[in-house]
């Protein structure tokens, strides 16, 4: 659910810090 975004955005931030491509 998009209500999960505040928690799951923390994963995205780590992936971005490592330069790992992702899709959400």
PDBML (XML) file of the C-alpha atoms, coordinates in Angstrom:
<?xml version="1.0" encoding="UTF-8" ?>
<PDBx:datablock datablockName="MODEL"
   xmlns:PDBx="http://pdbml.pdb.org/schema/pdbx-v50.xsd"
   xmlns:xsi="http://www.w3.org/2001/XMLSchema-instance"
   xsi:schemaLocation="http://pdbml.pdb.org/schema/pdbx-v50.xsd pdbx-v50.xsd">
   <PDBx:atom_siteCategory>
      <PDBx:atom_site id="1">
         <PDBx:B_iso_or_equiv>0.00</PDBx:B_iso_or_equiv>
         <PDBx:Cartn_x>0.000</PDBx:Cartn_x>
         <PDBx:Cartn_y>0.000</PDBx:Cartn_y>
         <PDBx:Cartn_z>0.000</PDBx:Cartn_z>
         <PDBx:auth_asym_id>A</PDBx:auth_asym_id>
         <PDBx:auth_atom_id>CA</PDBx:auth_atom_id>
         <PDBx:auth_comp_id>UNK</PDBx:auth_comp_id>
         <PDBx:auth_seq_id>1</PDBx:auth_seq_id>
         <PDBx:group_PDB>ATOM</PDBx:group_PDB>
         <PDBx:label_alt_id xsi:nil="true" />
         <PDBx:label_asym_id>A</PDBx:label_asym_id>
         <PDBx:label_atom_id>CA</PDBx:label_atom_id>
         <PDBx:label_comp_id>UNK</PDBx:label_comp_id>
         <PDBx:label_entity_id>1</PDBx:label_entity_id>
         <PDBx:label_seq_id>1</PDBx:label_seq_id>
         <PDBx:occupancy>1.00</PDBx:occupancy>
         <PDBx:pdbx_PDB_model_num>1</PDBx:pdbx_PDB_model_num>
         <PDBx:type_symbol>C</PDBx:type_symbol>
      </PDBx:atom_site>
      <PDBx:atom_site id="2">
         <PDBx:B_iso_or_equiv>0.00</PDBx:B_iso_or_equiv>
         <PDBx:Cartn_x>1.189</PDBx:Cartn_x>
         <PDBx:Cartn_y>3.550</PDBx:Cartn_y>
         <PDBx:Cartn_z>-0.479</PDBx:Cartn_z>
         <PDBx:auth_asym_id>A</PDBx:auth_asym_id>
         <PDBx:auth_atom_id>CA</PDBx:auth_atom_id>
         <PDBx:auth_comp_id>UNK</PDBx:auth_comp_id>
         <PDBx:auth_seq_id>2</PDBx:auth_seq_id>
         <PDBx:group_PDB>ATOM</PDBx:group_PDB>
         <PDBx:label_alt_id xsi:nil="true" />
         <PDBx:label_asym_id>A</PDBx:label_asym_id>
         <PDBx:label_atom_id>CA</PDBx:label_atom_id>
         <PDBx:label_comp_id>UNK</PDBx:label_comp_id>
         <PDBx:label_entity_id>1</PDBx:label_entity_id>
         <PDBx:label_seq_id>2</PDBx:label_seq_id>
         <PDBx:occupancy>1.00</PDBx:occupancy>
         <PDBx:pdbx_PDB_model_num>1</PDBx:pdbx_PDB_model_num>
         <PDBx:type_symbol>C</PDBx:type_symbol>
      </PDBx:atom_site>
      <PDBx:atom_site id="3">
         <PDBx:B_iso_or_equiv>0.00</PDBx:B_iso_or_equiv>
         <PDBx:Cartn_x>0.676</PDBx:Cartn_x>
         <PDBx:Cartn_y>3.987</PDBx:Cartn_y>
         <PDBx:Cartn_z>3.278</PDBx:Cartn_z>
         <PDBx:auth_asym_id>A</PDBx:auth_asym_id>
         <PDBx:auth_atom_id>CA</PDBx:auth_atom_id>
         <PDBx:auth_comp_id>UNK</PDBx:auth_comp_id>
         <PDBx:auth_seq_id>3</PDBx:auth_seq_id>
         <PDBx:group_PDB>ATOM</PDBx:group_PDB>
         <PDBx:label_alt_id xsi:nil="true" />
         <PDBx:label_asym_id>A</PDBx:label_asym_id>
         <PDBx:label_atom_id>CA</PDBx:label_atom_id>
         <PDBx:label_comp_id>UNK</PDBx:label_comp_id>
         <PDBx:label_entity_id>1</PDBx:label_entity_id>
         <PDBx:label_seq_id>3</PDBx:label_seq_id>
         <PDBx:occupancy>1.00</PDBx:occupancy>
         <PDBx:pdbx_PDB_model_num>1</PDBx:pdbx_PDB_model_num>
         <PDBx:type_symbol>C</PDBx:type_symbol>
      </PDBx:atom_site>
      <PDBx:atom_site id="4">
         <PDBx:B_iso_or_equiv>0.00</PDBx:B_iso_or_equiv>
         <PDBx:Cartn_x>3.842</PDBx:Cartn_x>
         <PDBx:Cartn_y>1.851</PDBx:Cartn_y>
         <PDBx:Cartn_z>3.595</PDBx:Cartn_z>
         <PDBx:auth_asym_id>A</PDBx:auth_asym_id>
         <PDBx:auth_atom_id>CA</PDBx:auth_atom_id>
         <PDBx:auth_comp_id>UNK</PDBx:auth_comp_id>
         <PDBx:auth_seq_id>4</PDBx:auth_seq_id>
         <PDBx:group_PDB>ATOM</PDBx:group_PDB>
         <PDBx:label_alt_id xsi:nil="true" />
         <PDBx:label_asym_id>A</PDBx:label_asym_id>
         <PDBx:label_atom_id>CA</PDBx:label_atom_id>
         <PDBx:label_comp_id>UNK</PDBx:label_comp_id>
         <PDBx:label_entity_id>1</PDBx:label_entity_id>
         <PDBx:label_seq_id>4</PDBx:label_seq_id>
         <PDBx:occupancy>1.00</PDBx:occupancy>
         <PDBx:pdbx_PDB_model_num>1</PDBx:pdbx_PDB_model_num>
         <PDBx:type_symbol>C</PDBx:type_symbol>
      </PDBx:atom_site>
      <PDBx:atom_site id="5">
         <PDBx:B_iso_or_equiv>0.00</PDBx:B_iso_or_equiv>
         <PDBx:Cartn_x>5.903</PDBx:Cartn_x>
         <PDBx:Cartn_y>4.515</PDBx:Cartn_y>
         <PDBx:Cartn_z>1.844</PDBx:Cartn_z>
         <PDBx:auth_asym_id>A</PDBx:auth_asym_id>
         <PDBx:auth_atom_id>CA</PDBx:auth_atom_id>
         <PDBx:auth_comp_id>UNK</PDBx:auth_comp_id>
         <PDBx:auth_seq_id>5</PDBx:auth_seq_id>
         <PDBx:group_PDB>ATOM</PDBx:group_PDB>
         <PDBx:label_alt_id xsi:nil="true" />
         <PDBx:label_asym_id>A</PDBx:label_asym_id>
         <PDBx:label_atom_id>CA</PDBx:label_atom_id>
         <PDBx:label_comp_id>UNK</PDBx:label_comp_id>
         <PDBx:label_entity_id>1</PDBx:label_entity_id>
         <PDBx:label_seq_id>5</PDBx:label_seq_id>
         <PDBx:occupancy>1.00</PDBx:occupancy>
         <PDBx:pdbx_PDB_model_num>1</PDBx:pdbx_PDB_model_num>
         <PDBx:type_symbol>C</PDBx:type_symbol>
      </PDBx:atom_site>
      <PDBx:atom_site id="6">
         <PDBx:B_iso_or_equiv>0.00</PDBx:B_iso_or_equiv>
         <PDBx:Cartn_x>7.310</PDBx:Cartn_x>
         <PDBx:Cartn_y>6.273</PDBx:Cartn_y>
         <PDBx:Cartn_z>4.948</PDBx:Cartn_z>
         <PDBx:auth_asym_id>A</PDBx:auth_asym_id>
         <PDBx:auth_atom_id>CA</PDBx:auth_atom_id>
         <PDBx:auth_comp_id>UNK</PDBx:auth_comp_id>
         <PDBx:auth_seq_id>6</PDBx:auth_seq_id>
         <PDBx:group_PDB>ATOM</PDBx:group_PDB>
         <PDBx:label_alt_id xsi:nil="true" />
         <PDBx:label_asym_id>A</PDBx:label_asym_id>
         <PDBx:label_atom_id>CA</PDBx:label_atom_id>
         <PDBx:label_comp_id>UNK</PDBx:label_comp_id>
         <PDBx:label_entity_id>1</PDBx:label_entity_id>
         <PDBx:label_seq_id>6</PDBx:label_seq_id>
         <PDBx:occupancy>1.00</PDBx:occupancy>
         <PDBx:pdbx_PDB_model_num>1</PDBx:pdbx_PDB_model_num>
         <PDBx:type_symbol>C</PDBx:type_symbol>
      </PDBx:atom_site>
      <PDBx:atom_site id="7">
         <PDBx:B_iso_or_equiv>0.00</PDBx:B_iso_or_equiv>
         <PDBx:Cartn_x>8.988</PDBx:Cartn_x>
         <PDBx:Cartn_y>3.033</PDBx:Cartn_y>
         <PDBx:Cartn_z>6.045</PDBx:Cartn_z>
         <PDBx:auth_asym_id>A</PDBx:auth_asym_id>
         <PDBx:auth_atom_id>CA</PDBx:auth_atom_id>
         <PDBx:auth_comp_id>UNK</PDBx:auth_comp_id>
         <PDBx:auth_seq_id>7</PDBx:auth_seq_id>
         <PDBx:group_PDB>ATOM</PDBx:group_PDB>
         <PDBx:label_alt_id xsi:nil="true" />
         <PDBx:label_asym_id>A</PDBx:label_asym_id>
         <PDBx:label_atom_id>CA</PDBx:label_atom_id>
         <PDBx:label_comp_id>UNK</PDBx:label_comp_id>
         <PDBx:label_entity_id>1</PDBx:label_entity_id>
         <PDBx:label_seq_id>7</PDBx:label_seq_id>
         <PDBx:occupancy>1.00</PDBx:occupancy>
         <PDBx:pdbx_PDB_model_num>1</PDBx:pdbx_PDB_model_num>
         <PDBx:type_symbol>C</PDBx:type_symbol>
      </PDBx:atom_site>
      <PDBx:atom_site id="8">
         <PDBx:B_iso_or_equiv>0.00</PDBx:B_iso_or_equiv>
         <PDBx:Cartn_x>9.902</PDBx:Cartn_x>
         <PDBx:Cartn_y>1.703</PDBx:Cartn_y>
         <PDBx:Cartn_z>2.610</PDBx:Cartn_z>
         <PDBx:auth_asym_id>A</PDBx:auth_asym_id>
         <PDBx:auth_atom_id>CA</PDBx:auth_atom_id>
         <PDBx:auth_comp_id>UNK</PDBx:auth_comp_id>
         <PDBx:auth_seq_id>8</PDBx:auth_seq_id>
         <PDBx:group_PDB>ATOM</PDBx:group_PDB>
         <PDBx:label_alt_id xsi:nil="true" />
         <PDBx:label_asym_id>A</PDBx:label_asym_id>
         <PDBx:label_atom_id>CA</PDBx:label_atom_id>
         <PDBx:label_comp_id>UNK</PDBx:label_comp_id>
         <PDBx:label_entity_id>1</PDBx:label_entity_id>
         <PDBx:label_seq_id>8</PDBx:label_seq_id>
         <PDBx:occupancy>1.00</PDBx:occupancy>
         <PDBx:pdbx_PDB_model_num>1</PDBx:pdbx_PDB_model_num>
         <PDBx:type_symbol>C</PDBx:type_symbol>
      </PDBx:atom_site>
      <PDBx:atom_site id="9">
         <PDBx:B_iso_or_equiv>0.00</PDBx:B_iso_or_equiv>
         <PDBx:Cartn_x>11.420</PDBx:Cartn_x>
         <PDBx:Cartn_y>5.050</PDBx:Cartn_y>
         <PDBx:Cartn_z>1.571</PDBx:Cartn_z>
         <PDBx:auth_asym_id>A</PDBx:auth_asym_id>
         <PDBx:auth_atom_id>CA</PDBx:auth_atom_id>
         <PDBx:auth_comp_id>UNK</PDBx:auth_comp_id>
         <PDBx:auth_seq_id>9</PDBx:auth_seq_id>
         <PDBx:group_PDB>ATOM</PDBx:group_PDB>
         <PDBx:label_alt_id xsi:nil="true" />
         <PDBx:label_asym_id>A</PDBx:label_asym_id>
         <PDBx:label_atom_id>CA</PDBx:label_atom_id>
         <PDBx:label_comp_id>UNK</PDBx:label_comp_id>
         <PDBx:label_entity_id>1</PDBx:label_entity_id>
         <PDBx:label_seq_id>9</PDBx:label_seq_id>
         <PDBx:occupancy>1.00</PDBx:occupancy>
         <PDBx:pdbx_PDB_model_num>1</PDBx:pdbx_PDB_model_num>
         <PDBx:type_symbol>C</PDBx:type_symbol>
      </PDBx:atom_site>
      <PDBx:atom_site id="10">
         <PDBx:B_iso_or_equiv>0.00</PDBx:B_iso_or_equiv>
         <PDBx:Cartn_x>14.216</PDBx:Cartn_x>
         <PDBx:Cartn_y>4.235</PDBx:Cartn_y>
         <PDBx:Cartn_z>4.020</PDBx:Cartn_z>
         <PDBx:auth_asym_id>A</PDBx:auth_asym_id>
         <PDBx:auth_atom_id>CA</PDBx:auth_atom_id>
         <PDBx:auth_comp_id>UNK</PDBx:auth_comp_id>
         <PDBx:auth_seq_id>10</PDBx:auth_seq_id>
         <PDBx:group_PDB>ATOM</PDBx:group_PDB>
         <PDBx:label_alt_id xsi:nil="true" />
         <PDBx:label_asym_id>A</PDBx:label_asym_id>
         <PDBx:label_atom_id>CA</PDBx:label_atom_id>
         <PDBx:label_comp_id>UNK</PDBx:label_comp_id>
         <PDBx:label_entity_id>1</PDBx:label_entity_id>
         <PDBx:label_seq_id>10</PDBx:label_seq_id>
         <PDBx:occupancy>1.00</PDBx:occupancy>
         <PDBx:pdbx_PDB_model_num>1</PDBx:pdbx_PDB_model_num>
         <PDBx:type_symbol>C</PDBx:type_symbol>
      </PDBx:atom_site>
      <PDBx:atom_site id="11">
         <PDBx:B_iso_or_equiv>0.00</PDBx:B_iso_or_equiv>
         <PDBx:Cartn_x>15.205</PDBx:Cartn_x>
         <PDBx:Cartn_y>1.304</PDBx:Cartn_y>
         <PDBx:Cartn_z>1.798</PDBx:Cartn_z>
         <PDBx:auth_asym_id>A</PDBx:auth_asym_id>
         <PDBx:auth_atom_id>CA</PDBx:auth_atom_id>
         <PDBx:auth_comp_id>UNK</PDBx:auth_comp_id>
         <PDBx:auth_seq_id>11</PDBx:auth_seq_id>
         <PDBx:group_PDB>ATOM</PDBx:group_PDB>
         <PDBx:label_alt_id xsi:nil="true" />
         <PDBx:label_asym_id>A</PDBx:label_asym_id>
         <PDBx:label_atom_id>CA</PDBx:label_atom_id>
         <PDBx:label_comp_id>UNK</PDBx:label_comp_id>
         <PDBx:label_entity_id>1</PDBx:label_entity_id>
         <PDBx:label_seq_id>11</PDBx:label_seq_id>
         <PDBx:occupancy>1.00</PDBx:occupancy>
         <PDBx:pdbx_PDB_model_num>1</PDBx:pdbx_PDB_model_num>
         <PDBx:type_symbol>C</PDBx:type_symbol>
      </PDBx:atom_site>
      <PDBx:atom_site id="12">
         <PDBx:B_iso_or_equiv>0.00</PDBx:B_iso_or_equiv>
         <PDBx:Cartn_x>15.176</PDBx:Cartn_x>
         <PDBx:Cartn_y>3.528</PDBx:Cartn_y>
         <PDBx:Cartn_z>-1.260</PDBx:Cartn_z>
         <PDBx:auth_asym_id>A</PDBx:auth_asym_id>
         <PDBx:auth_atom_id>CA</PDBx:auth_atom_id>
         <PDBx:auth_comp_id>UNK</PDBx:auth_comp_id>
         <PDBx:auth_seq_id>12</PDBx:auth_seq_id>
         <PDBx:group_PDB>ATOM</PDBx:group_PDB>
         <PDBx:label_alt_id xsi:nil="true" />
         <PDBx:label_asym_id>A</PDBx:label_asym_id>
         <PDBx:label_atom_id>CA</PDBx:label_atom_id>
         <PDBx:label_comp_id>UNK</PDBx:label_comp_id>
         <PDBx:label_entity_id>1</PDBx:label_entity_id>
         <PDBx:label_seq_id>12</PDBx:label_seq_id>
         <PDBx:occupancy>1.00</PDBx:occupancy>
         <PDBx:pdbx_PDB_model_num>1</PDBx:pdbx_PDB_model_num>
         <PDBx:type_symbol>C</PDBx:type_symbol>
      </PDBx:atom_site>
      <PDBx:atom_site id="13">
         <PDBx:B_iso_or_equiv>0.00</PDBx:B_iso_or_equiv>
         <PDBx:Cartn_x>17.480</PDBx:Cartn_x>
         <PDBx:Cartn_y>6.025</PDBx:Cartn_y>
         <PDBx:Cartn_z>0.459</PDBx:Cartn_z>
         <PDBx:auth_asym_id>A</PDBx:auth_asym_id>
         <PDBx:auth_atom_id>CA</PDBx:auth_atom_id>
         <PDBx:auth_comp_id>UNK</PDBx:auth_comp_id>
         <PDBx:auth_seq_id>13</PDBx:auth_seq_id>
         <PDBx:group_PDB>ATOM</PDBx:group_PDB>
         <PDBx:label_alt_id xsi:nil="true" />
         <PDBx:label_asym_id>A</PDBx:label_asym_id>
         <PDBx:label_atom_id>CA</PDBx:label_atom_id>
         <PDBx:label_comp_id>UNK</PDBx:label_comp_id>
         <PDBx:label_entity_id>1</PDBx:label_entity_id>
         <PDBx:label_seq_id>13</PDBx:label_seq_id>
         <PDBx:occupancy>1.00</PDBx:occupancy>
         <PDBx:pdbx_PDB_model_num>1</PDBx:pdbx_PDB_model_num>
         <PDBx:type_symbol>C</PDBx:type_symbol>
      </PDBx:atom_site>
      <PDBx:atom_site id="14">
         <PDBx:B_iso_or_equiv>0.00</PDBx:B_iso_or_equiv>
         <PDBx:Cartn_x>20.054</PDBx:Cartn_x>
         <PDBx:Cartn_y>3.293</PDBx:Cartn_y>
         <PDBx:Cartn_z>1.183</PDBx:Cartn_z>
         <PDBx:auth_asym_id>A</PDBx:auth_asym_id>
         <PDBx:auth_atom_id>CA</PDBx:auth_atom_id>
         <PDBx:auth_comp_id>UNK</PDBx:auth_comp_id>
         <PDBx:auth_seq_id>14</PDBx:auth_seq_id>
         <PDBx:group_PDB>ATOM</PDBx:group_PDB>
         <PDBx:label_alt_id xsi:nil="true" />
         <PDBx:label_asym_id>A</PDBx:label_asym_id>
         <PDBx:label_atom_id>CA</PDBx:label_atom_id>
         <PDBx:label_comp_id>UNK</PDBx:label_comp_id>
         <PDBx:label_entity_id>1</PDBx:label_entity_id>
         <PDBx:label_seq_id>14</PDBx:label_seq_id>
         <PDBx:occupancy>1.00</PDBx:occupancy>
         <PDBx:pdbx_PDB_model_num>1</PDBx:pdbx_PDB_model_num>
         <PDBx:type_symbol>C</PDBx:type_symbol>
      </PDBx:atom_site>
      <PDBx:atom_site id="15">
         <PDBx:B_iso_or_equiv>0.00</PDBx:B_iso_or_equiv>
         <PDBx:Cartn_x>19.870</PDBx:Cartn_x>
         <PDBx:Cartn_y>2.027</PDBx:Cartn_y>
         <PDBx:Cartn_z>-2.403</PDBx:Cartn_z>
         <PDBx:auth_asym_id>A</PDBx:auth_asym_id>
         <PDBx:auth_atom_id>CA</PDBx:auth_atom_id>
         <PDBx:auth_comp_id>UNK</PDBx:auth_comp_id>
         <PDBx:auth_seq_id>15</PDBx:auth_seq_id>
         <PDBx:group_PDB>ATOM</PDBx:group_PDB>
         <PDBx:label_alt_id xsi:nil="true" />
         <PDBx:label_asym_id>A</PDBx:label_asym_id>
         <PDBx:label_atom_id>CA</PDBx:label_atom_id>
         <PDBx:label_comp_id>UNK</PDBx:label_comp_id>
         <PDBx:label_entity_id>1</PDBx:label_entity_id>
         <PDBx:label_seq_id>15</PDBx:label_seq_id>
         <PDBx:occupancy>1.00</PDBx:occupancy>
         <PDBx:pdbx_PDB_model_num>1</PDBx:pdbx_PDB_model_num>
         <PDBx:type_symbol>C</PDBx:type_symbol>
      </PDBx:atom_site>
      <PDBx:atom_site id="16">
         <PDBx:B_iso_or_equiv>0.00</PDBx:B_iso_or_equiv>
         <PDBx:Cartn_x>20.427</PDBx:Cartn_x>
         <PDBx:Cartn_y>5.575</PDBx:Cartn_y>
         <PDBx:Cartn_z>-3.666</PDBx:Cartn_z>
         <PDBx:auth_asym_id>A</PDBx:auth_asym_id>
         <PDBx:auth_atom_id>CA</PDBx:auth_atom_id>
         <PDBx:auth_comp_id>UNK</PDBx:auth_comp_id>
         <PDBx:auth_seq_id>16</PDBx:auth_seq_id>
         <PDBx:group_PDB>ATOM</PDBx:group_PDB>
         <PDBx:label_alt_id xsi:nil="true" />
         <PDBx:label_asym_id>A</PDBx:label_asym_id>
         <PDBx:label_atom_id>CA</PDBx:label_atom_id>
         <PDBx:label_comp_id>UNK</PDBx:label_comp_id>
         <PDBx:label_entity_id>1</PDBx:label_entity_id>
         <PDBx:label_seq_id>16</PDBx:label_seq_id>
         <PDBx:occupancy>1.00</PDBx:occupancy>
         <PDBx:pdbx_PDB_model_num>1</PDBx:pdbx_PDB_model_num>
         <PDBx:type_symbol>C</PDBx:type_symbol>
      </PDBx:atom_site>
      <PDBx:atom_site id="17">
         <PDBx:B_iso_or_equiv>0.00</PDBx:B_iso_or_equiv>
         <PDBx:Cartn_x>23.407</PDBx:Cartn_x>
         <PDBx:Cartn_y>6.052</PDBx:Cartn_y>
         <PDBx:Cartn_z>-1.327</PDBx:Cartn_z>
         <PDBx:auth_asym_id>A</PDBx:auth_asym_id>
         <PDBx:auth_atom_id>CA</PDBx:auth_atom_id>
         <PDBx:auth_comp_id>UNK</PDBx:auth_comp_id>
         <PDBx:auth_seq_id>17</PDBx:auth_seq_id>
         <PDBx:group_PDB>ATOM</PDBx:group_PDB>
         <PDBx:label_alt_id xsi:nil="true" />
         <PDBx:label_asym_id>A</PDBx:label_asym_id>
         <PDBx:label_atom_id>CA</PDBx:label_atom_id>
         <PDBx:label_comp_id>UNK</PDBx:label_comp_id>
         <PDBx:label_entity_id>1</PDBx:label_entity_id>
         <PDBx:label_seq_id>17</PDBx:label_seq_id>
         <PDBx:occupancy>1.00</PDBx:occupancy>
         <PDBx:pdbx_PDB_model_num>1</PDBx:pdbx_PDB_model_num>
         <PDBx:type_symbol>C</PDBx:type_symbol>
      </PDBx:atom_site>
      <PDBx:atom_site id="18">
         <PDBx:B_iso_or_equiv>0.00</PDBx:B_iso_or_equiv>
         <PDBx:Cartn_x>25.025</PDBx:Cartn_x>
         <PDBx:Cartn_y>2.958</PDBx:Cartn_y>
         <PDBx:Cartn_z>-2.830</PDBx:Cartn_z>
         <PDBx:auth_asym_id>A</PDBx:auth_asym_id>
         <PDBx:auth_atom_id>CA</PDBx:auth_atom_id>
         <PDBx:auth_comp_id>UNK</PDBx:auth_comp_id>
         <PDBx:auth_seq_id>18</PDBx:auth_seq_id>
         <PDBx:group_PDB>ATOM</PDBx:group_PDB>
         <PDBx:label_alt_id xsi:nil="true" />
         <PDBx:label_asym_id>A</PDBx:label_asym_id>
         <PDBx:label_atom_id>CA</PDBx:label_atom_id>
         <PDBx:label_comp_id>UNK</PDBx:label_comp_id>
         <PDBx:label_entity_id>1</PDBx:label_entity_id>
         <PDBx:label_seq_id>18</PDBx:label_seq_id>
         <PDBx:occupancy>1.00</PDBx:occupancy>
         <PDBx:pdbx_PDB_model_num>1</PDBx:pdbx_PDB_model_num>
         <PDBx:type_symbol>C</PDBx:type_symbol>
      </PDBx:atom_site>
      <PDBx:atom_site id="19">
         <PDBx:B_iso_or_equiv>0.00</PDBx:B_iso_or_equiv>
         <PDBx:Cartn_x>24.103</PDBx:Cartn_x>
         <PDBx:Cartn_y>3.936</PDBx:Cartn_y>
         <PDBx:Cartn_z>-6.389</PDBx:Cartn_z>
         <PDBx:auth_asym_id>A</PDBx:auth_asym_id>
         <PDBx:auth_atom_id>CA</PDBx:auth_atom_id>
         <PDBx:auth_comp_id>UNK</PDBx:auth_comp_id>
         <PDBx:auth_seq_id>19</PDBx:auth_seq_id>
         <PDBx:group_PDB>ATOM</PDBx:group_PDB>
         <PDBx:label_alt_id xsi:nil="true" />
         <PDBx:label_asym_id>A</PDBx:label_asym_id>
         <PDBx:label_atom_id>CA</PDBx:label_atom_id>
         <PDBx:label_comp_id>UNK</PDBx:label_comp_id>
         <PDBx:label_entity_id>1</PDBx:label_entity_id>
         <PDBx:label_seq_id>19</PDBx:label_seq_id>
         <PDBx:occupancy>1.00</PDBx:occupancy>
         <PDBx:pdbx_PDB_model_num>1</PDBx:pdbx_PDB_model_num>
         <PDBx:type_symbol>C</PDBx:type_symbol>
      </PDBx:atom_site>
      <PDBx:atom_site id="20">
         <PDBx:B_iso_or_equiv>0.00</PDBx:B_iso_or_equiv>
         <PDBx:Cartn_x>21.948</PDBx:Cartn_x>
         <PDBx:Cartn_y>0.854</PDBx:Cartn_y>
         <PDBx:Cartn_z>-6.864</PDBx:Cartn_z>
         <PDBx:auth_asym_id>A</PDBx:auth_asym_id>
         <PDBx:auth_atom_id>CA</PDBx:auth_atom_id>
         <PDBx:auth_comp_id>UNK</PDBx:auth_comp_id>
         <PDBx:auth_seq_id>20</PDBx:auth_seq_id>
         <PDBx:group_PDB>ATOM</PDBx:group_PDB>
         <PDBx:label_alt_id xsi:nil="true" />
         <PDBx:label_asym_id>A</PDBx:label_asym_id>
         <PDBx:label_atom_id>CA</PDBx:label_atom_id>
         <PDBx:label_comp_id>UNK</PDBx:label_comp_id>
         <PDBx:label_entity_id>1</PDBx:label_entity_id>
         <PDBx:label_seq_id>20</PDBx:label_seq_id>
         <PDBx:occupancy>1.00</PDBx:occupancy>
         <PDBx:pdbx_PDB_model_num>1</PDBx:pdbx_PDB_model_num>
         <PDBx:type_symbol>C</PDBx:type_symbol>
      </PDBx:atom_site>
      <PDBx:atom_site id="21">
         <PDBx:B_iso_or_equiv>0.00</PDBx:B_iso_or_equiv>
         <PDBx:Cartn_x>19.259</PDBx:Cartn_x>
         <PDBx:Cartn_y>1.218</PDBx:Cartn_y>
         <PDBx:Cartn_z>-9.532</PDBx:Cartn_z>
         <PDBx:auth_asym_id>A</PDBx:auth_asym_id>
         <PDBx:auth_atom_id>CA</PDBx:auth_atom_id>
         <PDBx:auth_comp_id>UNK</PDBx:auth_comp_id>
         <PDBx:auth_seq_id>21</PDBx:auth_seq_id>
         <PDBx:group_PDB>ATOM</PDBx:group_PDB>
         <PDBx:label_alt_id xsi:nil="true" />
         <PDBx:label_asym_id>A</PDBx:label_asym_id>
         <PDBx:label_atom_id>CA</PDBx:label_atom_id>
         <PDBx:label_comp_id>UNK</PDBx:label_comp_id>
         <PDBx:label_entity_id>1</PDBx:label_entity_id>
         <PDBx:label_seq_id>21</PDBx:label_seq_id>
         <PDBx:occupancy>1.00</PDBx:occupancy>
         <PDBx:pdbx_PDB_model_num>1</PDBx:pdbx_PDB_model_num>
         <PDBx:type_symbol>C</PDBx:type_symbol>
      </PDBx:atom_site>
      <PDBx:atom_site id="22">
         <PDBx:B_iso_or_equiv>0.00</PDBx:B_iso_or_equiv>
         <PDBx:Cartn_x>15.758</PDBx:Cartn_x>
         <PDBx:Cartn_y>0.457</PDBx:Cartn_y>
         <PDBx:Cartn_z>-8.320</PDBx:Cartn_z>
         <PDBx:auth_asym_id>A</PDBx:auth_asym_id>
         <PDBx:auth_atom_id>CA</PDBx:auth_atom_id>
         <PDBx:auth_comp_id>UNK</PDBx:auth_comp_id>
         <PDBx:auth_seq_id>22</PDBx:auth_seq_id>
         <PDBx:group_PDB>ATOM</PDBx:group_PDB>
         <PDBx:label_alt_id xsi:nil="true" />
         <PDBx:label_asym_id>A</PDBx:label_asym_id>
         <PDBx:label_atom_id>CA</PDBx:label_atom_id>
         <PDBx:label_comp_id>UNK</PDBx:label_comp_id>
         <PDBx:label_entity_id>1</PDBx:label_entity_id>
         <PDBx:label_seq_id>22</PDBx:label_seq_id>
         <PDBx:occupancy>1.00</PDBx:occupancy>
         <PDBx:pdbx_PDB_model_num>1</PDBx:pdbx_PDB_model_num>
         <PDBx:type_symbol>C</PDBx:type_symbol>
      </PDBx:atom_site>
      <PDBx:atom_site id="23">
         <PDBx:B_iso_or_equiv>0.00</PDBx:B_iso_or_equiv>
         <PDBx:Cartn_x>12.085</PDBx:Cartn_x>
         <PDBx:Cartn_y>0.638</PDBx:Cartn_y>
         <PDBx:Cartn_z>-9.107</PDBx:Cartn_z>
         <PDBx:auth_asym_id>A</PDBx:auth_asym_id>
         <PDBx:auth_atom_id>CA</PDBx:auth_atom_id>
         <PDBx:auth_comp_id>UNK</PDBx:auth_comp_id>
         <PDBx:auth_seq_id>23</PDBx:auth_seq_id>
         <PDBx:group_PDB>ATOM</PDBx:group_PDB>
         <PDBx:label_alt_id xsi:nil="true" />
         <PDBx:label_asym_id>A</PDBx:label_asym_id>
         <PDBx:label_atom_id>CA</PDBx:label_atom_id>
         <PDBx:label_comp_id>UNK</PDBx:label_comp_id>
         <PDBx:label_entity_id>1</PDBx:label_entity_id>
         <PDBx:label_seq_id>23</PDBx:label_seq_id>
         <PDBx:occupancy>1.00</PDBx:occupancy>
         <PDBx:pdbx_PDB_model_num>1</PDBx:pdbx_PDB_model_num>
         <PDBx:type_symbol>C</PDBx:type_symbol>
      </PDBx:atom_site>
      <PDBx:atom_site id="24">
         <PDBx:B_iso_or_equiv>0.00</PDBx:B_iso_or_equiv>
         <PDBx:Cartn_x>9.327</PDBx:Cartn_x>
         <PDBx:Cartn_y>1.065</PDBx:Cartn_y>
         <PDBx:Cartn_z>-6.549</PDBx:Cartn_z>
         <PDBx:auth_asym_id>A</PDBx:auth_asym_id>
         <PDBx:auth_atom_id>CA</PDBx:auth_atom_id>
         <PDBx:auth_comp_id>UNK</PDBx:auth_comp_id>
         <PDBx:auth_seq_id>24</PDBx:auth_seq_id>
         <PDBx:group_PDB>ATOM</PDBx:group_PDB>
         <PDBx:label_alt_id xsi:nil="true" />
         <PDBx:label_asym_id>A</PDBx:label_asym_id>
         <PDBx:label_atom_id>CA</PDBx:label_atom_id>
         <PDBx:label_comp_id>UNK</PDBx:label_comp_id>
         <PDBx:label_entity_id>1</PDBx:label_entity_id>
         <PDBx:label_seq_id>24</PDBx:label_seq_id>
         <PDBx:occupancy>1.00</PDBx:occupancy>
         <PDBx:pdbx_PDB_model_num>1</PDBx:pdbx_PDB_model_num>
         <PDBx:type_symbol>C</PDBx:type_symbol>
      </PDBx:atom_site>
   </PDBx:atom_siteCategory>
</PDBx:datablock>
